[in-house]
Amino acid sequence: MSEQDLQVFIEAFRAGGFRGPLHRYRAQNIDFREMADFTGKPVTQPSYFVAGERDAVRSFIPGMDLYANPGAGCTDFRGSVILPRIGHWVQQEAPVETNVALQEFLKGL
């Protein structure tokens, strides 16, 4: 991350604080309750998966690649791309590559 990139985040946290980002993680148990009606139901709209090779979420469970089968819960899965050398925030870390992937997906609709 460049010093300029870091300053963007510093200014954002100065303006809005850190409470909002922390609340996202504090709400995880609420998510499970509110999403219970969707458990086991597939995603039926056309779907495409874009992720980063270095995303920490990918290896949250040791020995398992959580991105190995991204279309498992989809009935109209159109494919995926794992962007090399990119972490969790693909749209910020690789905006051009992310947009190319999304445009290719949209062309197929």
C-alpha atoms as a PDB file:
ATOM      1  CA  MET A   1       0.000   0.000   0.000  1.00  0.00           C
ATOM      2  CA  SER A   2       1.380   3.356  -0.917  1.00  0.00           C
ATOM      3  CA  GLU A   3       1.561   6.236   1.543  1.00  0.00           C
ATOM      4  CA  GLN A   4      -1.123   7.986  -0.537  1.00  0.00           C
ATOM      5  CA  ASP A   5      -3.413   4.930  -0.248  1.00  0.00           C
ATOM      6  CA  LEU A   6      -2.841   4.794   3.491  1.00  0.00           C
ATOM      7  CA  GLN A   7      -3.782   8.461   3.820  1.00  0.00           C
ATOM      8  CA  VAL A   8      -7.133   7.781   2.125  1.00  0.00           C
ATOM      9  CA  PHE A   9      -7.964   5.230   4.832  1.00  0.00           C
ATOM     10  CA  ILE A  10      -6.666   7.445   7.638  1.00  0.00           C
ATOM     11  CA  GLU A  11      -8.858  10.326   6.486  1.00  0.00           C
ATOM     12  CA  ALA A  12     -11.895   8.048   6.110  1.00  0.00           C
ATOM     13  CA  PHE A  13     -11.505   6.754   9.667  1.00  0.00           C
ATOM     14  CA  ARG A  14     -10.940  10.273  10.986  1.00  0.00           C
ATOM     15  CA  ALA A  15     -14.172  11.405   9.333  1.00  0.00           C
ATOM     16  CA  GLY A  16     -16.383   8.442  10.168  1.00  0.00           C
ATOM     17  CA  GLY A  17     -14.672   6.654  12.987  1.00  0.00           C
ATOM     18  CA  PHE A  18     -14.163   2.941  13.405  1.00  0.00           C
ATOM     19  CA  ARG A  19     -17.540   2.095  14.941  1.00  0.00           C
ATOM     20  CA  GLY A  20     -19.272   1.281  11.624  1.00  0.00           C
ATOM     21  CA  PRO A  21     -16.645  -1.202  10.431  1.00  0.00           C
ATOM     22  CA  LEU A  22     -16.649  -2.909  13.827  1.00  0.00           C
ATOM     23  CA  HIS A  23     -20.442  -3.146  13.873  1.00  0.00           C
ATOM     24  CA  ARG A  24     -20.321  -5.129  10.625  1.00  0.00           C
ATOM     25  CA  TYR A  25     -18.487  -7.892  12.492  1.00  0.00           C
ATOM     26  CA  ARG A  26     -20.572  -7.510  15.642  1.00  0.00           C
ATOM     27  CA  ALA A  27     -23.702  -8.160  13.546  1.00  0.00           C
ATOM     28  CA  GLN A  28     -22.609 -11.576  12.303  1.00  0.00           C
ATOM     29  CA  ASN A  29     -24.868 -13.466  14.715  1.00  0.00           C
ATOM     30  CA  ILE A  30     -27.786 -11.285  13.652  1.00  0.00           C
ATOM     31  CA  ASP A  31     -27.018 -12.196  10.029  1.00  0.00           C
ATOM     32  CA  PHE A  32     -27.436 -15.895  10.792  1.00  0.00           C
ATOM     33  CA  ARG A  33     -30.828 -15.304  12.413  1.00  0.00           C
ATOM     34  CA  GLU A  34     -32.119 -12.984   9.692  1.00  0.00           C
ATOM     35  CA  MET A  35     -30.867 -15.201   6.861  1.00  0.00           C
ATOM     36  CA  ALA A  36     -32.236 -18.446   8.333  1.00  0.00           C
ATOM     37  CA  ASP A  37     -35.116 -18.561   5.813  1.00  0.00           C
ATOM     38  CA  PHE A  38     -32.549 -18.699   3.003  1.00  0.00           C
ATOM     39  CA  THR A  39     -30.519 -21.609   4.379  1.00  0.00           C
ATOM     40  CA  GLY A  40     -30.214 -24.322   1.760  1.00  0.00           C
ATOM     41  CA  LYS A  41     -31.880 -22.253  -0.959  1.00  0.00           C
ATOM     42  CA  PRO A  42     -29.853 -21.678  -4.120  1.00  0.00           C
ATOM     43  CA  VAL A  43     -29.003 -18.371  -5.725  1.00  0.00           C
ATOM     44  CA  THR A  44     -31.125 -18.501  -8.891  1.00  0.00           C
ATOM     45  CA  GLN A  45     -30.103 -15.354 -10.755  1.00  0.00           C
ATOM     46  CA  PRO A  46     -27.085 -15.420 -13.077  1.00  0.00           C
ATOM     47  CA  SER A  47     -23.984 -15.400 -10.873  1.00  0.00           C
ATOM     48  CA  TYR A  48     -20.257 -14.825 -11.283  1.00  0.00           C
ATOM     49  CA  PHE A  49     -17.515 -14.952  -8.642  1.00  0.00           C
ATOM     50  CA  VAL A  50     -14.582 -12.520  -8.537  1.00  0.00           C
ATOM     51  CA  ALA A  51     -11.992 -12.910  -5.779  1.00  0.00           C
ATOM     52  CA  GLY A  52      -8.360 -12.337  -4.943  1.00  0.00           C
ATOM     53  CA  GLU A  53      -5.755 -15.066  -4.782  1.00  0.00           C
ATOM     54  CA  ARG A  54      -4.426 -13.680  -1.482  1.00  0.00           C
ATOM     55  CA  ASP A  55      -7.805 -13.117   0.198  1.00  0.00           C
ATOM     56  CA  ALA A  56      -7.494 -14.254   3.813  1.00  0.00           C
ATOM     57  CA  VAL A  57     -11.129 -15.420   3.757  1.00  0.00           C
ATOM     58  CA  ARG A  58     -10.091 -18.070   1.257  1.00  0.00           C
ATOM     59  CA  SER A  59      -8.209 -19.984   3.955  1.00  0.00           C
ATOM     60  CA  PHE A  60     -10.249 -19.282   7.094  1.00  0.00           C
ATOM     61  CA  ILE A  61     -10.560 -23.047   7.550  1.00  0.00           C
ATOM     62  CA  PRO A  62      -7.048 -24.528   7.594  1.00  0.00           C
ATOM     63  CA  GLY A  63      -6.423 -26.994   4.797  1.00  0.00           C
ATOM     64  CA  MET A  64      -9.527 -25.950   2.859  1.00  0.00           C
ATOM     65  CA  ASP A  65      -9.826 -23.541  -0.072  1.00  0.00           C
ATOM     66  CA  LEU A  66     -13.154 -21.828   0.558  1.00  0.00           C
ATOM     67  CA  TYR A  67     -13.110 -20.517  -3.013  1.00  0.00           C
ATOM     68  CA  ALA A  68     -12.678 -23.956  -4.605  1.00  0.00           C
ATOM     69  CA  ASN A  69     -16.342 -24.302  -5.613  1.00  0.00           C
ATOM     70  CA  PRO A  70     -17.928 -20.840  -5.731  1.00  0.00           C
ATOM     71  CA  GLY A  71     -20.928 -21.919  -7.789  1.00  0.00           C
ATOM     72  CA  ALA A  72     -22.021 -24.701  -5.454  1.00  0.00           C
ATOM     73  CA  GLY A  73     -25.086 -22.811  -4.239  1.00  0.00           C
ATOM     74  CA  CYS A  74     -26.070 -21.360  -7.613  1.00  0.00           C
ATOM     75  CA  THR A  75     -28.404 -22.660 -10.308  1.00  0.00           C
ATOM     76  CA  ASP A  76     -27.147 -20.289 -13.027  1.00  0.00           C
ATOM     77  CA  PHE A  77     -23.433 -19.990 -12.271  1.00  0.00           C
ATOM     78  CA  ARG A  78     -21.548 -18.330 -15.133  1.00  0.00           C
ATOM     79  CA  GLY A  79     -17.984 -18.804 -13.898  1.00  0.00           C
ATOM     80  CA  SER A  80     -15.342 -17.237 -11.733  1.00  0.00           C
ATOM     81  CA  VAL A  81     -11.981 -15.537 -11.740  1.00  0.00           C
ATOM     82  CA  ILE A  82      -9.342 -15.501  -9.023  1.00  0.00           C
ATOM     83  CA  LEU A  83      -7.162 -12.433  -9.516  1.00  0.00           C
ATOM     84  CA  PRO A  84      -3.462 -13.156  -8.899  1.00  0.00           C
ATOM     85  CA  ARG A  85      -1.584 -11.227  -6.185  1.00  0.00           C
ATOM     86  CA  ILE A  86      -4.838  -9.589  -4.993  1.00  0.00           C
ATOM     87  CA  GLY A  87      -6.308  -9.705  -1.482  1.00  0.00           C
ATOM     88  CA  HIS A  88      -9.819  -9.278  -0.084  1.00  0.00           C
ATOM     89  CA  TRP A  89     -10.749  -5.895  -1.555  1.00  0.00           C
ATOM     90  CA  VAL A  90     -10.560  -6.814  -5.247  1.00  0.00           C
ATOM     91  CA  GLN A  91     -12.409  -3.751  -6.502  1.00  0.00           C
ATOM     92  CA  GLN A  92      -9.931  -1.460  -4.719  1.00  0.00           C
ATOM     93  CA  GLU A  93      -6.784  -3.493  -5.280  1.00  0.00           C
ATOM     94  CA  ALA A  94      -7.465  -4.351  -8.931  1.00  0.00           C
ATOM     95  CA  PRO A  95     -10.214  -2.070 -10.267  1.00  0.00           C
ATOM     96  CA  VAL A  96      -9.339  -2.563 -13.931  1.00  0.00           C
ATOM     97  CA  GLU A  97      -9.192  -6.357 -13.690  1.00  0.00           C
ATOM     98  CA  THR A  98     -12.398  -6.431 -11.636  1.00  0.00           C
ATOM     99  CA  ASN A  99     -14.228  -4.328 -14.208  1.00  0.00           C
ATOM    100  CA  VAL A 100     -12.954  -6.493 -17.068  1.00  0.00           C
ATOM    101  CA  ALA A 101     -14.263  -9.594 -15.276  1.00  0.00           C
ATOM    102  CA  LEU A 102     -17.639  -7.962 -14.601  1.00  0.00           C
ATOM    103  CA  GLN A 103     -17.942  -6.744 -18.185  1.00  0.00           C
ATOM    104  CA  GLU A 104     -17.273 -10.246 -19.516  1.00  0.00           C
ATOM    105  CA  PHE A 105     -19.954 -11.613 -17.193  1.00  0.00           C
ATOM    106  CA  LEU A 106     -22.443  -8.953 -18.278  1.00  0.00           C
ATOM    107  CA  LYS A 107     -21.782  -9.614 -21.967  1.00  0.00           C
ATOM    108  CA  GLY A 108     -22.982 -13.163 -21.416  1.00  0.00           C
ATOM    109  CA  LEU A 109     -26.352 -12.143 -19.987  1.00  0.00           C
END
